[in-house]
């Protein structure tokens, strides 16, 4: 609402993302190939995701375009993130789950989560359709339709 996007971790953190509809399509495609007797899928593991690698720094501009407003990154210092993780860890021990704990801190400060999605394309011809912009837009539409935005 205020046009601020908290940037947790480095701005150049890289991700392979997938919209839920593309994930479902991938699962169905692989399952149907297996039922059809395609030996190329039996016992295989496939990464699914859109082939475009995105960076944390991309999120504010895409969100700004979707919501037709200026969105600025608000850099959260690593030391503050660590302090929040420690507080979250303590809260978890007291039975109160927190958004950030030590495990989440390690994820947020990792260099990224990128995988090669070409194998599923080669074996069953599946390619995720929704890039970051279209995936965020579809998600925003879903929330709007339910009065949650």
Foldseek 3Di string as FASTA:
>chain_A
DPQEDEQQADQFQKEFAAFPVLVVVLVVLLVVCVVVPQPLSVPDDADAGAPDIDGNNPPSVLVCVLVVHHHDYDYDDLVVLQVQQPVQQVCVVVVHHDPHHPVVSCVRHDSYYDDDRVSSCVRRNRHGDADPNRSVNVVVVVCVVVVND
